[in-house]
Amino acid sequence: MIKGVGVDMVEIGRVKKLIEQDRGFAERIFTDREIAYCESKYSRAQHYAARFTAKEAFFKALGTGFRDGMSWRDVEVENDPLGKPQLRLTAVALRQFRRRKLKKAMLSLSHTREMAVALVVIE
């Protein structure tokens, strides 16, 4: 049974500008593994933007926003062995997920040259 749906989109140029102008932005929003992944890519801004939208979409699907001490870094986007993006929850996000007796969070990412979008469905 679907318990929540969240979608988010962002201009890739906006995320690129934040990363370039705010030295601490990436470290506040992304985990070390996400940063390493994005930095290894040619179009790194696209990958940062897609991960940013995934986090936003997750918080929308959960219906809590940043309440109860949740942080950006509690939600990590990783890729399975075939390259499919998936969410890895830690800390407060994981506790909130379990407390609500939720089973699964599914993620889909896409981007163009200008925009990144994410969809999260929670069962």
PDB file of N, CA and C in Angstrom:
ATOM      1  N   MET A   1       0.843  -1.179   0.000  1.00  0.00           N
ATOM      2  CA  MET A   1       0.000   0.000   0.000  1.00  0.00           C
ATOM      3  C   MET A   1       0.897   1.254   0.000  1.00  0.00           C
ATOM      4  N   ILE A   2       0.570   2.194  -0.835  1.00  0.00           N
ATOM      5  CA  ILE A   2       1.336   3.438  -0.911  1.00  0.00           C
ATOM      6  C   ILE A   2       0.968   4.336   0.266  1.00  0.00           C
ATOM      7  N   LYS A   3       2.002   4.778   0.986  1.00  0.00           N
ATOM      8  CA  LYS A   3       1.812   5.643   2.154  1.00  0.00           C
ATOM      9  C   LYS A   3       2.230   7.088   1.894  1.00  0.00           C
ATOM     10  N   GLY A   4       3.006   7.303   0.828  1.00  0.00           N
ATOM     11  CA  GLY A   4       3.436   8.658   0.528  1.00  0.00           C
ATOM     12  C   GLY A   4       4.083   8.756  -0.839  1.00  0.00           C
ATOM     13  N   VAL A   5       3.905   9.909  -1.473  1.00  0.00           N
ATOM     14  CA  VAL A   5       4.514  10.192  -2.767  1.00  0.00           C
ATOM     15  C   VAL A   5       5.108  11.595  -2.693  1.00  0.00           C
ATOM     16  N   GLY A   6       6.317  11.729  -3.173  1.00  0.00           N
ATOM     17  CA  GLY A   6       6.952  13.043  -3.219  1.00  0.00           C
ATOM     18  C   GLY A   6       7.672  13.236  -4.536  1.00  0.00           C
ATOM     19  N   VAL A   7       7.591  14.427  -5.057  1.00  0.00           N
ATOM     20  CA  VAL A   7       8.299  14.754  -6.290  1.00  0.00           C
ATOM     21  C   VAL A   7       8.967  16.112  -6.106  1.00  0.00           C
ATOM     22  N   ASP A   8      10.128  16.271  -6.710  1.00  0.00           N
ATOM     23  CA  ASP A   8      10.821  17.551  -6.633  1.00  0.00           C
ATOM     24  C   ASP A   8      11.635  17.737  -7.904  1.00  0.00           C
ATOM     25  N   MET A   9      11.819  18.979  -8.287  1.00  0.00           N
ATOM     26  CA  MET A   9      12.678  19.296  -9.425  1.00  0.00           C
ATOM     27  C   MET A   9      13.457  20.572  -9.120  1.00  0.00           C
ATOM     28  N   VAL A  10      14.620  20.686  -9.725  1.00  0.00           N
ATOM     29  CA  VAL A  10      15.471  21.844  -9.488  1.00  0.00           C
ATOM     30  C   VAL A  10      16.258  22.157 -10.758  1.00  0.00           C
ATOM     31  N   GLU A  11      16.575  23.423 -10.915  1.00  0.00           N
ATOM     32  CA  GLU A  11      17.443  23.834 -12.017  1.00  0.00           C
ATOM     33  C   GLU A  11      18.872  23.437 -11.678  1.00  0.00           C
ATOM     34  N   ILE A  12      19.515  22.737 -12.579  1.00  0.00           N
ATOM     35  CA  ILE A  12      20.871  22.264 -12.351  1.00  0.00           C
ATOM     36  C   ILE A  12      21.820  23.445 -12.165  1.00  0.00           C
ATOM     37  N   GLY A  13      21.612  24.510 -12.918  1.00  0.00           N
ATOM     38  CA  GLY A  13      22.459  25.702 -12.786  1.00  0.00           C
ATOM     39  C   GLY A  13      22.403  26.309 -11.397  1.00  0.00           C
ATOM     40  N   ARG A  14      21.256  26.245 -10.758  1.00  0.00           N
ATOM     41  CA  ARG A  14      21.110  26.770  -9.393  1.00  0.00           C
ATOM     42  C   ARG A  14      21.957  25.971  -8.408  1.00  0.00           C
ATOM     43  N   VAL A  15      21.920  24.653  -8.549  1.00  0.00           N
ATOM     44  CA  VAL A  15      22.721  23.798  -7.659  1.00  0.00           C
ATOM     45  C   VAL A  15      24.203  24.003  -7.948  1.00  0.00           C
ATOM     46  N   LYS A  16      24.570  24.104  -9.210  1.00  0.00           N
ATOM     47  CA  LYS A  16      25.970  24.335  -9.585  1.00  0.00           C
ATOM     48  C   LYS A  16      26.488  25.626  -8.955  1.00  0.00           C
ATOM     49  N   LYS A  17      25.673  26.665  -9.022  1.00  0.00           N
ATOM     50  CA  LYS A  17      26.047  27.957  -8.458  1.00  0.00           C
ATOM     51  C   LYS A  17      26.239  27.867  -6.936  1.00  0.00           C
ATOM     52  N   LEU A  18      25.333  27.168  -6.259  1.00  0.00           N
ATOM     53  CA  LEU A  18      25.459  26.996  -4.810  1.00  0.00           C
ATOM     54  C   LEU A  18      26.738  26.251  -4.442  1.00  0.00           C
ATOM     55  N   ILE A  19      27.058  25.212  -5.171  1.00  0.00           N
ATOM     56  CA  ILE A  19      28.262  24.429  -4.886  1.00  0.00           C
ATOM     57  C   ILE A  19      29.513  25.272  -5.111  1.00  0.00           C
ATOM     58  N   GLU A  20      29.512  26.063  -6.165  1.00  0.00           N
ATOM     59  CA  GLU A  20      30.687  26.882  -6.486  1.00  0.00           C
ATOM     60  C   GLU A  20      30.845  28.085  -5.558  1.00  0.00           C
ATOM     61  N   GLN A  21      29.744  28.676  -5.119  1.00  0.00           N
ATOM     62  CA  GLN A  21      29.828  29.907  -4.336  1.00  0.00           C
ATOM     63  C   GLN A  21      29.802  29.704  -2.825  1.00  0.00           C
ATOM     64  N   ASP A  22      29.244  28.602  -2.378  1.00  0.00           N
ATOM     65  CA  ASP A  22      29.132  28.333  -0.940  1.00  0.00           C
ATOM     66  C   ASP A  22      29.976  27.104  -0.621  1.00  0.00           C
ATOM     67  N   ARG A  23      31.174  27.335  -0.106  1.00  0.00           N
ATOM     68  CA  ARG A  23      32.124  26.249   0.139  1.00  0.00           C
ATOM     69  C   ARG A  23      31.558  25.108   0.978  1.00  0.00           C
ATOM     70  N   GLY A  24      30.699  25.397   1.929  1.00  0.00           N
ATOM     71  CA  GLY A  24      30.179  24.362   2.811  1.00  0.00           C
ATOM     72  C   GLY A  24      28.879  23.732   2.350  1.00  0.00           C
ATOM     73  N   PHE A  25      28.320  24.199   1.232  1.00  0.00           N
ATOM     74  CA  PHE A  25      27.023  23.698   0.791  1.00  0.00           C
ATOM     75  C   PHE A  25      27.027  22.183   0.591  1.00  0.00           C
ATOM     76  N   ALA A  26      27.952  21.681  -0.192  1.00  0.00           N
ATOM     77  CA  ALA A  26      27.987  20.240  -0.490  1.00  0.00           C
ATOM     78  C   ALA A  26      28.120  19.420   0.789  1.00  0.00           C
ATOM     79  N   GLU A  27      28.970  19.851   1.700  1.00  0.00           N
ATOM     80  CA  GLU A  27      29.187  19.097   2.939  1.00  0.00           C
ATOM     81  C   GLU A  27      27.976  19.129   3.869  1.00  0.00           C
ATOM     82  N   ARG A  28      27.171  20.181   3.800  1.00  0.00           N
ATOM     83  CA  ARG A  28      25.960  20.259   4.625  1.00  0.00           C
ATOM     84  C   ARG A  28      24.832  19.388   4.077  1.00  0.00           C
ATOM     85  N   ILE A  29      24.793  19.226   2.767  1.00  0.00           N
ATOM     86  CA  ILE A  29      23.671  18.561   2.115  1.00  0.00           C
ATOM     87  C   ILE A  29      23.963  17.100   1.792  1.00  0.00           C
ATOM     88  N   PHE A  30      25.161  16.806   1.348  1.00  0.00           N
ATOM     89  CA  PHE A  30      25.485  15.486   0.810  1.00  0.00           C
ATOM     90  C   PHE A  30      26.448  14.722   1.716  1.00  0.00           C
ATOM     91  N   THR A  31      26.325  13.391   1.681  1.00  0.00           N
ATOM     92  CA  THR A  31      27.241  12.541   2.442  1.00  0.00           C
ATOM     93  C   THR A  31      28.585  12.482   1.715  1.00  0.00           C
ATOM     94  N   ASP A  32      29.590  11.994   2.409  1.00  0.00           N
ATOM     95  CA  ASP A  32      30.912  11.860   1.793  1.00  0.00           C
ATOM     96  C   ASP A  32      30.866  10.957   0.560  1.00  0.00           C
ATOM     97  N   ARG A  33      30.083   9.888   0.627  1.00  0.00           N
ATOM     98  CA  ARG A  33      29.976   8.985  -0.525  1.00  0.00           C
ATOM     99  C   ARG A  33      29.271   9.657  -1.704  1.00  0.00           C
ATOM    100  N   GLU A  34      28.250  10.465  -1.428  1.00  0.00           N
ATOM    101  CA  GLU A  34      27.578  11.187  -2.510  1.00  0.00           C
ATOM    102  C   GLU A  34      28.525  12.189  -3.157  1.00  0.00           C
ATOM    103  N   ILE A  35      29.288  12.891  -2.341  1.00  0.00           N
ATOM    104  CA  ILE A  35      30.247  13.867  -2.874  1.00  0.00           C
ATOM    105  C   ILE A  35      31.276  13.163  -3.743  1.00  0.00           C
ATOM    106  N   ALA A  36      31.822  12.055  -3.270  1.00  0.00           N
ATOM    107  CA  ALA A  36      32.816  11.308  -4.048  1.00  0.00           C
ATOM    108  C   ALA A  36      32.220  10.847  -5.381  1.00  0.00           C
ATOM    109  N   TYR A  37      30.982  10.363  -5.350  1.00  0.00           N
ATOM    110  CA  TYR A  37      30.318   9.910  -6.577  1.00  0.00           C
ATOM    111  C   TYR A  37      30.148  11.073  -7.551  1.00  0.00           C
ATOM    112  N   CYS A  38      29.583  12.172  -7.085  1.00  0.00           N
ATOM    113  CA  CYS A  38      29.323  13.319  -7.965  1.00  0.00           C
ATOM    114  C   CYS A  38      30.613  13.910  -8.517  1.00  0.00           C
ATOM    115  N   GLU A  39      31.628  14.009  -7.679  1.00  0.00           N
ATOM    116  CA  GLU A  39      32.899  14.580  -8.116  1.00  0.00           C
ATOM    117  C   GLU A  39      33.601  13.705  -9.156  1.00  0.00           C
ATOM    118  N   SER A  40      33.244  12.423  -9.199  1.00  0.00           N
ATOM    119  CA  SER A  40      33.867  11.516 -10.169  1.00  0.00           C
ATOM    120  C   SER A  40      33.221  11.597 -11.553  1.00  0.00           C
ATOM    121  N   LYS A  41      32.138  12.355 -11.667  1.00  0.00           N
ATOM    122  CA  LYS A  41      31.391  12.438 -12.914  1.00  0.00           C
ATOM    123  C   LYS A  41      31.756  13.682 -13.708  1.00  0.00           C
ATOM    124  N   TYR A  42      31.640  13.574 -15.036  1.00  0.00           N
ATOM    125  CA  TYR A  42      31.921  14.709 -15.906  1.00  0.00           C
ATOM    126  C   TYR A  42      30.922  15.838 -15.656  1.00  0.00           C
ATOM    127  N   SER A  43      29.656  15.510 -15.629  1.00  0.00           N
ATOM    128  CA  SER A  43      28.603  16.508 -15.386  1.00  0.00           C
ATOM    129  C   SER A  43      28.187  16.452 -13.923  1.00  0.00           C
ATOM    130  N   ARG A  44      29.107  16.811 -13.069  1.00  0.00           N
ATOM    131  CA  ARG A  44      28.872  16.633 -11.636  1.00  0.00           C
ATOM    132  C   ARG A  44      27.678  17.422 -11.115  1.00  0.00           C
ATOM    133  N   ALA A  45      27.411  18.586 -11.675  1.00  0.00           N
ATOM    134  CA  ALA A  45      26.268  19.384 -11.214  1.00  0.00           C
ATOM    135  C   ALA A  45      24.958  18.643 -11.432  1.00  0.00           C
ATOM    136  N   GLN A  46      24.833  17.906 -12.540  1.00  0.00           N
ATOM    137  CA  GLN A  46      23.621  17.119 -12.789  1.00  0.00           C
ATOM    138  C   GLN A  46      23.424  16.077 -11.684  1.00  0.00           C
ATOM    139  N   HIS A  47      24.491  15.451 -11.272  1.00  0.00           N
ATOM    140  CA  HIS A  47      24.406  14.396 -10.261  1.00  0.00           C
ATOM    141  C   HIS A  47      24.115  14.971  -8.875  1.00  0.00           C
ATOM    142  N   TYR A  48      24.730  16.099  -8.558  1.00  0.00           N
ATOM    143  CA  TYR A  48      24.395  16.778  -7.299  1.00  0.00           C
ATOM    144  C   TYR A  48      22.922  17.192  -7.296  1.00  0.00           C
ATOM    145  N   ALA A  49      22.467  17.767  -8.400  1.00  0.00           N
ATOM    146  CA  ALA A  49      21.087  18.239  -8.476  1.00  0.00           C
ATOM    147  C   ALA A  49      20.098  17.084  -8.343  1.00  0.00           C
ATOM    148  N   ALA A  50      20.374  15.976  -9.008  1.00  0.00           N
ATOM    149  CA  ALA A  50      19.482  14.821  -8.916  1.00  0.00           C
ATOM    150  C   ALA A  50      19.411  14.311  -7.477  1.00  0.00           C
ATOM    151  N   ARG A  51      20.534  14.279  -6.785  1.00  0.00           N
ATOM    152  CA  ARG A  51      20.539  13.823  -5.393  1.00  0.00           C
ATOM    153  C   ARG A  51      19.822  14.815  -4.475  1.00  0.00           C
ATOM    154  N   PHE A  52      19.966  16.087  -4.771  1.00  0.00           N
ATOM    155  CA  PHE A  52      19.250  17.102  -3.999  1.00  0.00           C
ATOM    156  C   PHE A  52      17.742  16.907  -4.137  1.00  0.00           C
ATOM    157  N   THR A  53      17.273  16.698  -5.370  1.00  0.00           N
ATOM    158  CA  THR A  53      15.839  16.509  -5.573  1.00  0.00           C
ATOM    159  C   THR A  53      15.349  15.222  -4.927  1.00  0.00           C
ATOM    160  N   ALA A  54      16.174  14.194  -4.901  1.00  0.00           N
ATOM    161  CA  ALA A  54      15.782  12.932  -4.262  1.00  0.00           C
ATOM    162  C   ALA A  54      15.531  13.132  -2.771  1.00  0.00           C
ATOM    163  N   LYS A  55      16.400  13.895  -2.133  1.00  0.00           N
ATOM    164  CA  LYS A  55      16.238  14.162  -0.697  1.00  0.00           C
ATOM    165  C   LYS A  55      14.965  14.963  -0.445  1.00  0.00           C
ATOM    166  N   GLU A  56      14.745  15.996  -1.242  1.00  0.00           N
ATOM    167  CA  GLU A  56      13.523  16.807  -1.115  1.00  0.00           C
ATOM    168  C   GLU A  56      12.279  15.948  -1.334  1.00  0.00           C
ATOM    169  N   ALA A  57      12.304  15.120  -2.368  1.00  0.00           N
ATOM    170  CA  ALA A  57      11.153  14.267  -2.666  1.00  0.00           C
ATOM    171  C   ALA A  57      10.897  13.276  -1.540  1.00  0.00           C
ATOM    172  N   PHE A  58      11.962  12.755  -0.930  1.00  0.00           N
ATOM    173  CA  PHE A  58      11.782  11.828   0.197  1.00  0.00           C
ATOM    174  C   PHE A  58      11.085  12.528   1.358  1.00  0.00           C
ATOM    175  N   PHE A  59      11.553  13.709   1.726  1.00  0.00           N
ATOM    176  CA  PHE A  59      10.945  14.421   2.851  1.00  0.00           C
ATOM    177  C   PHE A  59       9.481  14.766   2.556  1.00  0.00           C
ATOM    178  N   LYS A  60       9.168  15.072   1.312  1.00  0.00           N
ATOM    179  CA  LYS A  60       7.773  15.327   0.933  1.00  0.00           C
ATOM    180  C   LYS A  60       6.939  14.055   1.047  1.00  0.00           C
ATOM    181  N   ALA A  61       7.476  12.949   0.571  1.00  0.00           N
ATOM    182  CA  ALA A  61       6.743  11.680   0.638  1.00  0.00           C
ATOM    183  C   ALA A  61       6.533  11.242   2.082  1.00  0.00           C
ATOM    184  N   LEU A  62       7.513  11.470   2.925  1.00  0.00           N
ATOM    185  CA  LEU A  62       7.399  11.111   4.338  1.00  0.00           C
ATOM    186  C   LEU A  62       6.395  12.013   5.047  1.00  0.00           C
ATOM    187  N   GLY A  63       6.280  13.246   4.563  1.00  0.00           N
ATOM    188  CA  GLY A  63       5.299  14.176   5.115  1.00  0.00           C
ATOM    189  C   GLY A  63       5.763  14.910   6.356  1.00  0.00           C
ATOM    190  N   THR A  64       7.072  14.936   6.589  1.00  0.00           N
ATOM    191  CA  THR A  64       7.581  15.562   7.815  1.00  0.00           C
ATOM    192  C   THR A  64       8.445  16.779   7.571  1.00  0.00           C
ATOM    193  N   GLY A  65       9.023  16.890   6.397  1.00  0.00           N
ATOM    194  CA  GLY A  65      10.026  17.938   6.211  1.00  0.00           C
ATOM    195  C   GLY A  65      11.219  17.650   7.105  1.00  0.00           C
ATOM    196  N   PHE A  66      11.759  18.690   7.702  1.00  0.00           N
ATOM    197  CA  PHE A  66      12.947  18.527   8.546  1.00  0.00           C
ATOM    198  C   PHE A  66      12.605  18.498  10.034  1.00  0.00           C
ATOM    199  N   ARG A  67      11.411  18.119  10.375  1.00  0.00           N
ATOM    200  CA  ARG A  67      11.011  18.067  11.778  1.00  0.00           C
ATOM    201  C   ARG A  67      11.775  16.995  12.538  1.00  0.00           C
ATOM    202  N   ASP A  68      11.731  17.124  13.843  1.00  0.00           N
ATOM    203  CA  ASP A  68      12.262  16.094  14.750  1.00  0.00           C
ATOM    204  C   ASP A  68      13.742  15.816  14.542  1.00  0.00           C
ATOM    205  N   GLY A  69      14.497  16.801  14.091  1.00  0.00           N
ATOM    206  CA  GLY A  69      15.944  16.653  13.997  1.00  0.00           C
ATOM    207  C   GLY A  69      16.463  15.984  12.744  1.00  0.00           C
ATOM    208  N   MET A  70      15.614  15.782  11.754  1.00  0.00           N
ATOM    209  CA  MET A  70      16.084  15.172  10.511  1.00  0.00           C
ATOM    210  C   MET A  70      17.018  16.125   9.782  1.00  0.00           C
ATOM    211  N   SER A  71      17.976  15.553   9.072  1.00  0.00           N
ATOM    212  CA  SER A  71      18.892  16.389   8.308  1.00  0.00           C
ATOM    213  C   SER A  71      19.055  15.838   6.894  1.00  0.00           C
ATOM    214  N   TRP A  72      19.595  16.681   6.029  1.00  0.00           N
ATOM    215  CA  TRP A  72      19.848  16.303   4.639  1.00  0.00           C
ATOM    216  C   TRP A  72      20.689  15.037   4.555  1.00  0.00           C
ATOM    217  N   ARG A  73      21.689  14.946   5.423  1.00  0.00           N
ATOM    218  CA  ARG A  73      22.644  13.843   5.347  1.00  0.00           C
ATOM    219  C   ARG A  73      22.090  12.534   5.903  1.00  0.00           C
ATOM    220  N   ASP A  74      20.874  12.559   6.470  1.00  0.00           N
ATOM    221  CA  ASP A  74      20.209  11.332   6.929  1.00  0.00           C
ATOM    222  C   ASP A  74      19.678  10.516   5.755  1.00  0.00           C
ATOM    223  N   VAL A  75      19.607  11.145   4.589  1.00  0.00           N
ATOM    224  CA  VAL A  75      19.098  10.490   3.378  1.00  0.00           C
ATOM    225  C   VAL A  75      20.220  10.503   2.345  1.00  0.00           C
ATOM    226  N   GLU A  76      20.602   9.322   1.897  1.00  0.00           N
ATOM    227  CA  GLU A  76      21.695   9.206   0.935  1.00  0.00           C
ATOM    228  C   GLU A  76      21.201   8.480  -0.309  1.00  0.00           C
ATOM    229  N   VAL A  77      21.614   8.972  -1.463  1.00  0.00           N
ATOM    230  CA  VAL A  77      21.319   8.291  -2.721  1.00  0.00           C
ATOM    231  C   VAL A  77      22.537   7.455  -3.079  1.00  0.00           C
ATOM    232  N   GLU A  78      22.283   6.167  -3.285  1.00  0.00           N
ATOM    233  CA  GLU A  78      23.342   5.273  -3.736  1.00  0.00           C
ATOM    234  C   GLU A  78      22.815   4.483  -4.922  1.00  0.00           C
ATOM    235  N   ASN A  79      23.711   3.835  -5.631  1.00  0.00           N
ATOM    236  CA  ASN A  79      23.306   3.056  -6.791  1.00  0.00           C
ATOM    237  C   ASN A  79      23.514   1.572  -6.495  1.00  0.00           C
ATOM    238  N   ASP A  80      22.545   0.760  -6.918  1.00  0.00           N
ATOM    239  CA  ASP A  80      22.703  -0.683  -6.752  1.00  0.00           C
ATOM    240  C   ASP A  80      23.719  -1.182  -7.783  1.00  0.00           C
ATOM    241  N   PRO A  81      24.073  -2.461  -7.768  1.00  0.00           N
ATOM    242  CA  PRO A  81      25.087  -2.968  -8.707  1.00  0.00           C
ATOM    243  C   PRO A  81      24.770  -2.737 -10.185  1.00  0.00           C
ATOM    244  N   LEU A  82      23.491  -2.589 -10.517  1.00  0.00           N
ATOM    245  CA  LEU A  82      23.119  -2.330 -11.907  1.00  0.00           C
ATOM    246  C   LEU A  82      23.034  -0.841 -12.233  1.00  0.00           C
ATOM    247  N   GLY A  83      23.267   0.011 -11.239  1.00  0.00           N
ATOM    248  CA  GLY A  83      23.236   1.453 -11.455  1.00  0.00           C
ATOM    249  C   GLY A  83      21.930   2.126 -11.075  1.00  0.00           C
ATOM    250  N   LYS A  84      20.940   1.350 -10.640  1.00  0.00           N
ATOM    251  CA  LYS A  84      19.649   1.924 -10.257  1.00  0.00           C
ATOM    252  C   LYS A  84      19.794   2.718  -8.958  1.00  0.00           C
ATOM    253  N   PRO A  85      19.312   3.964  -8.939  1.00  0.00           N
ATOM    254  CA  PRO A  85      19.421   4.751  -7.700  1.00  0.00           C
ATOM    255  C   PRO A  85      18.451   4.231  -6.643  1.00  0.00           C
ATOM    256  N   GLN A  86      18.905   4.283  -5.408  1.00  0.00           N
ATOM    257  CA  GLN A  86      18.067   3.895  -4.282  1.00  0.00           C
ATOM    258  C   GLN A  86      18.422   4.764  -3.086  1.00  0.00           C
ATOM    259  N   LEU A  87      17.522   4.799  -2.113  1.00  0.00           N
ATOM    260  CA  LEU A  87      17.729   5.608  -0.921  1.00  0.00           C
ATOM    261  C   LEU A  87      18.297   4.761   0.204  1.00  0.00           C
ATOM    262  N   ARG A  88      19.245   5.329   0.901  1.00  0.00           N
ATOM    263  CA  ARG A  88      19.790   4.722   2.108  1.00  0.00           C
ATOM    264  C   ARG A  88      19.499   5.694   3.243  1.00  0.00           C
ATOM    265  N   LEU A  89      18.728   5.251   4.209  1.00  0.00           N
ATOM    266  CA  LEU A  89      18.342   6.103   5.333  1.00  0.00           C
ATOM    267  C   LEU A  89      19.197   5.801   6.550  1.00  0.00           C
ATOM    268  N   THR A  90      19.540   6.854   7.290  1.00  0.00           N
ATOM    269  CA  THR A  90      20.303   6.698   8.520  1.00  0.00           C
ATOM    270  C   THR A  90      19.735   7.639   9.576  1.00  0.00           C
ATOM    271  N   ALA A  91      20.233   7.490  10.787  1.00  0.00           N
ATOM    272  CA  ALA A  91      19.957   8.410  11.886  1.00  0.00           C
ATOM    273  C   ALA A  91      18.462   8.673  12.058  1.00  0.00           C
ATOM    274  N   VAL A  92      18.086   9.937  12.175  1.00  0.00           N
ATOM    275  CA  VAL A  92      16.704  10.316  12.476  1.00  0.00           C
ATOM    276  C   VAL A  92      15.751   9.902  11.354  1.00  0.00           C
ATOM    277  N   ALA A  93      16.151  10.018  10.099  1.00  0.00           N
ATOM    278  CA  ALA A  93      15.277   9.631   8.990  1.00  0.00           C
ATOM    279  C   ALA A  93      14.923   8.147   9.081  1.00  0.00           C
ATOM    280  N   LEU A  94      15.900   7.319   9.387  1.00  0.00           N
ATOM    281  CA  LEU A  94      15.643   5.889   9.518  1.00  0.00           C
ATOM    282  C   LEU A  94      14.721   5.613  10.706  1.00  0.00           C
ATOM    283  N   ARG A  95      14.940   6.278  11.824  1.00  0.00           N
ATOM    284  CA  ARG A  95      14.065   6.086  12.998  1.00  0.00           C
ATOM    285  C   ARG A  95      12.633   6.517  12.697  1.00  0.00           C
ATOM    286  N   GLN A  96      12.464   7.650  12.009  1.00  0.00           N
ATOM    287  CA  GLN A  96      11.121   8.121  11.651  1.00  0.00           C
ATOM    288  C   GLN A  96      10.441   7.134  10.698  1.00  0.00           C
ATOM    289  N   PHE A  97      11.191   6.611   9.759  1.00  0.00           N
ATOM    290  CA  PHE A  97      10.674   5.649   8.785  1.00  0.00           C
ATOM    291  C   PHE A  97      10.176   4.397   9.502  1.00  0.00           C
ATOM    292  N   ARG A  98      10.999   3.884  10.395  1.00  0.00           N
ATOM    293  CA  ARG A  98      10.632   2.676  11.146  1.00  0.00           C
ATOM    294  C   ARG A  98       9.482   2.938  12.123  1.00  0.00           C
ATOM    295  N   ARG A  99       9.499   4.095  12.770  1.00  0.00           N
ATOM    296  CA  ARG A  99       8.444   4.429  13.731  1.00  0.00           C
ATOM    297  C   ARG A  99       7.075   4.455  13.054  1.00  0.00           C
ATOM    298  N   ARG A 100       7.043   4.872  11.820  1.00  0.00           N
ATOM    299  CA  ARG A 100       5.787   4.919  11.062  1.00  0.00           C
ATOM    300  C   ARG A 100       5.440   3.571  10.435  1.00  0.00           C
ATOM    301  N   LYS A 101       6.296   2.574  10.684  1.00  0.00           N
ATOM    302  CA  LYS A 101       6.102   1.204  10.172  1.00  0.00           C
ATOM    303  C   LYS A 101       6.043   1.173   8.640  1.00  0.00           C
ATOM    304  N   LEU A 102       6.881   1.986   8.032  1.00  0.00           N
ATOM    305  CA  LEU A 102       6.965   2.020   6.579  1.00  0.00           C
ATOM    306  C   LEU A 102       7.916   0.924   6.110  1.00  0.00           C
ATOM    307  N   LYS A 103       7.689   0.406   4.931  1.00  0.00           N
ATOM    308  CA  LYS A 103       8.436  -0.761   4.458  1.00  0.00           C
ATOM    309  C   LYS A 103       9.516  -0.440   3.434  1.00  0.00           C
ATOM    310  N   LYS A 104       9.197   0.439   2.491  1.00  0.00           N
ATOM    311  CA  LYS A 104      10.101   0.620   1.356  1.00  0.00           C
ATOM    312  C   LYS A 104       9.963   2.024   0.792  1.00  0.00           C
ATOM    313  N   ALA A 105      11.085   2.596   0.369  1.00  0.00           N
ATOM    314  CA  ALA A 105      11.078   3.881  -0.331  1.00  0.00           C
ATOM    315  C   ALA A 105      11.703   3.651  -1.707  1.00  0.00           C
ATOM    316  N   MET A 106      10.930   3.888  -2.747  1.00  0.00           N
ATOM    317  CA  MET A 106      11.406   3.686  -4.112  1.00  0.00           C
ATOM    318  C   MET A 106      11.716   5.037  -4.742  1.00  0.00           C
ATOM    319  N   LEU A 107      12.775   5.086  -5.522  1.00  0.00           N
ATOM    320  CA  LEU A 107      13.284   6.334  -6.077  1.00  0.00           C
ATOM    321  C   LEU A 107      13.457   6.224  -7.587  1.00  0.00           C
ATOM    322  N   SER A 108      13.067   7.283  -8.278  1.00  0.00           N
ATOM    323  CA  SER A 108      13.361   7.422  -9.700  1.00  0.00           C
ATOM    324  C   SER A 108      13.947   8.811  -9.919  1.00  0.00           C
ATOM    325  N   LEU A 109      15.037   8.883 -10.666  1.00  0.00           N
ATOM    326  CA  LEU A 109      15.715  10.145 -10.976  1.00  0.00           C
ATOM    327  C   LEU A 109      15.770  10.345 -12.483  1.00  0.00           C
ATOM    328  N   SER A 110      15.736  11.611 -12.890  1.00  0.00           N
ATOM    329  CA  SER A 110      15.933  11.935 -14.293  1.00  0.00           C
ATOM    330  C   SER A 110      16.462  13.357 -14.387  1.00  0.00           C
ATOM    331  N   HIS A 111      17.100  13.671 -15.514  1.00  0.00           N
ATOM    332  CA  HIS A 111      17.566  15.044 -15.715  1.00  0.00           C
ATOM    333  C   HIS A 111      17.752  15.335 -17.193  1.00  0.00           C
ATOM    334  N   THR A 112      17.674  16.617 -17.490  1.00  0.00           N
ATOM    335  CA  THR A 112      18.034  17.140 -18.797  1.00  0.00           C
ATOM    336  C   THR A 112      19.281  17.980 -18.569  1.00  0.00           C
ATOM    337  N   ARG A 113      19.656  18.767 -19.537  1.00  0.00           N
ATOM    338  CA  ARG A 113      20.797  19.670 -19.317  1.00  0.00           C
ATOM    339  C   ARG A 113      20.476  20.749 -18.291  1.00  0.00           C
ATOM    340  N   GLU A 114      19.201  21.119 -18.191  1.00  0.00           N
ATOM    341  CA  GLU A 114      18.812  22.243 -17.338  1.00  0.00           C
ATOM    342  C   GLU A 114      18.136  21.850 -16.031  1.00  0.00           C
ATOM    343  N   MET A 115      17.439  20.724 -16.012  1.00  0.00           N
ATOM    344  CA  MET A 115      16.604  20.372 -14.843  1.00  0.00           C
ATOM    345  C   MET A 115      16.892  18.952 -14.366  1.00  0.00           C
ATOM    346  N   ALA A 116      16.725  18.758 -13.052  1.00  0.00           N
ATOM    347  CA  ALA A 116      16.775  17.424 -12.462  1.00  0.00           C
ATOM    348  C   ALA A 116      15.465  17.214 -11.717  1.00  0.00           C
ATOM    349  N   VAL A 117      14.980  15.966 -11.745  1.00  0.00           N
ATOM    350  CA  VAL A 117      13.717  15.645 -11.093  1.00  0.00           C
ATOM    351  C   VAL A 117      13.844  14.303 -10.383  1.00  0.00           C
ATOM    352  N   ALA A 118      13.131  14.173  -9.275  1.00  0.00           N
ATOM    353  CA  ALA A 118      13.094  12.914  -8.530  1.00  0.00           C
ATOM    354  C   ALA A 118      11.670  12.628  -8.098  1.00  0.00           C
ATOM    355  N   LEU A 119      11.355  11.342  -8.074  1.00  0.00           N
ATOM    356  CA  LEU A 119      10.082  10.853  -7.579  1.00  0.00           C
ATOM    357  C   LEU A 119      10.363   9.794  -6.516  1.00  0.00           C
ATOM    358  N   VAL A 120       9.726   9.927  -5.369  1.00  0.00           N
ATOM    359  CA  VAL A 120       9.856   8.932  -4.303  1.00  0.00           C
ATOM    360  C   VAL A 120       8.454   8.440  -3.963  1.00  0.00           C
ATOM    361  N   VAL A 121       8.324   7.110  -3.907  1.00  0.00           N
ATOM    362  CA  VAL A 121       7.091   6.462  -3.490  1.00  0.00           C
ATOM    363  C   VAL A 121       7.420   5.626  -2.260  1.00  0.00           C
ATOM    364  N   ILE A 122       6.656   5.832  -1.186  1.00  0.00           N
ATOM    365  CA  ILE A 122       6.872   5.087   0.054  1.00  0.00           C
ATOM    366  C   ILE A 122       5.719   4.108   0.264  1.00  0.00           C
ATOM    367  N   GLU A 123       6.096   2.859   0.528  1.00  0.00           N
ATOM    368  CA  GLU A 123       5.112   1.821   0.866  1.00  0.00           C
ATOM    369  C   GLU A 123       5.130   1.602   2.363  1.00  0.00           C
TER     370      GLU A 123
END
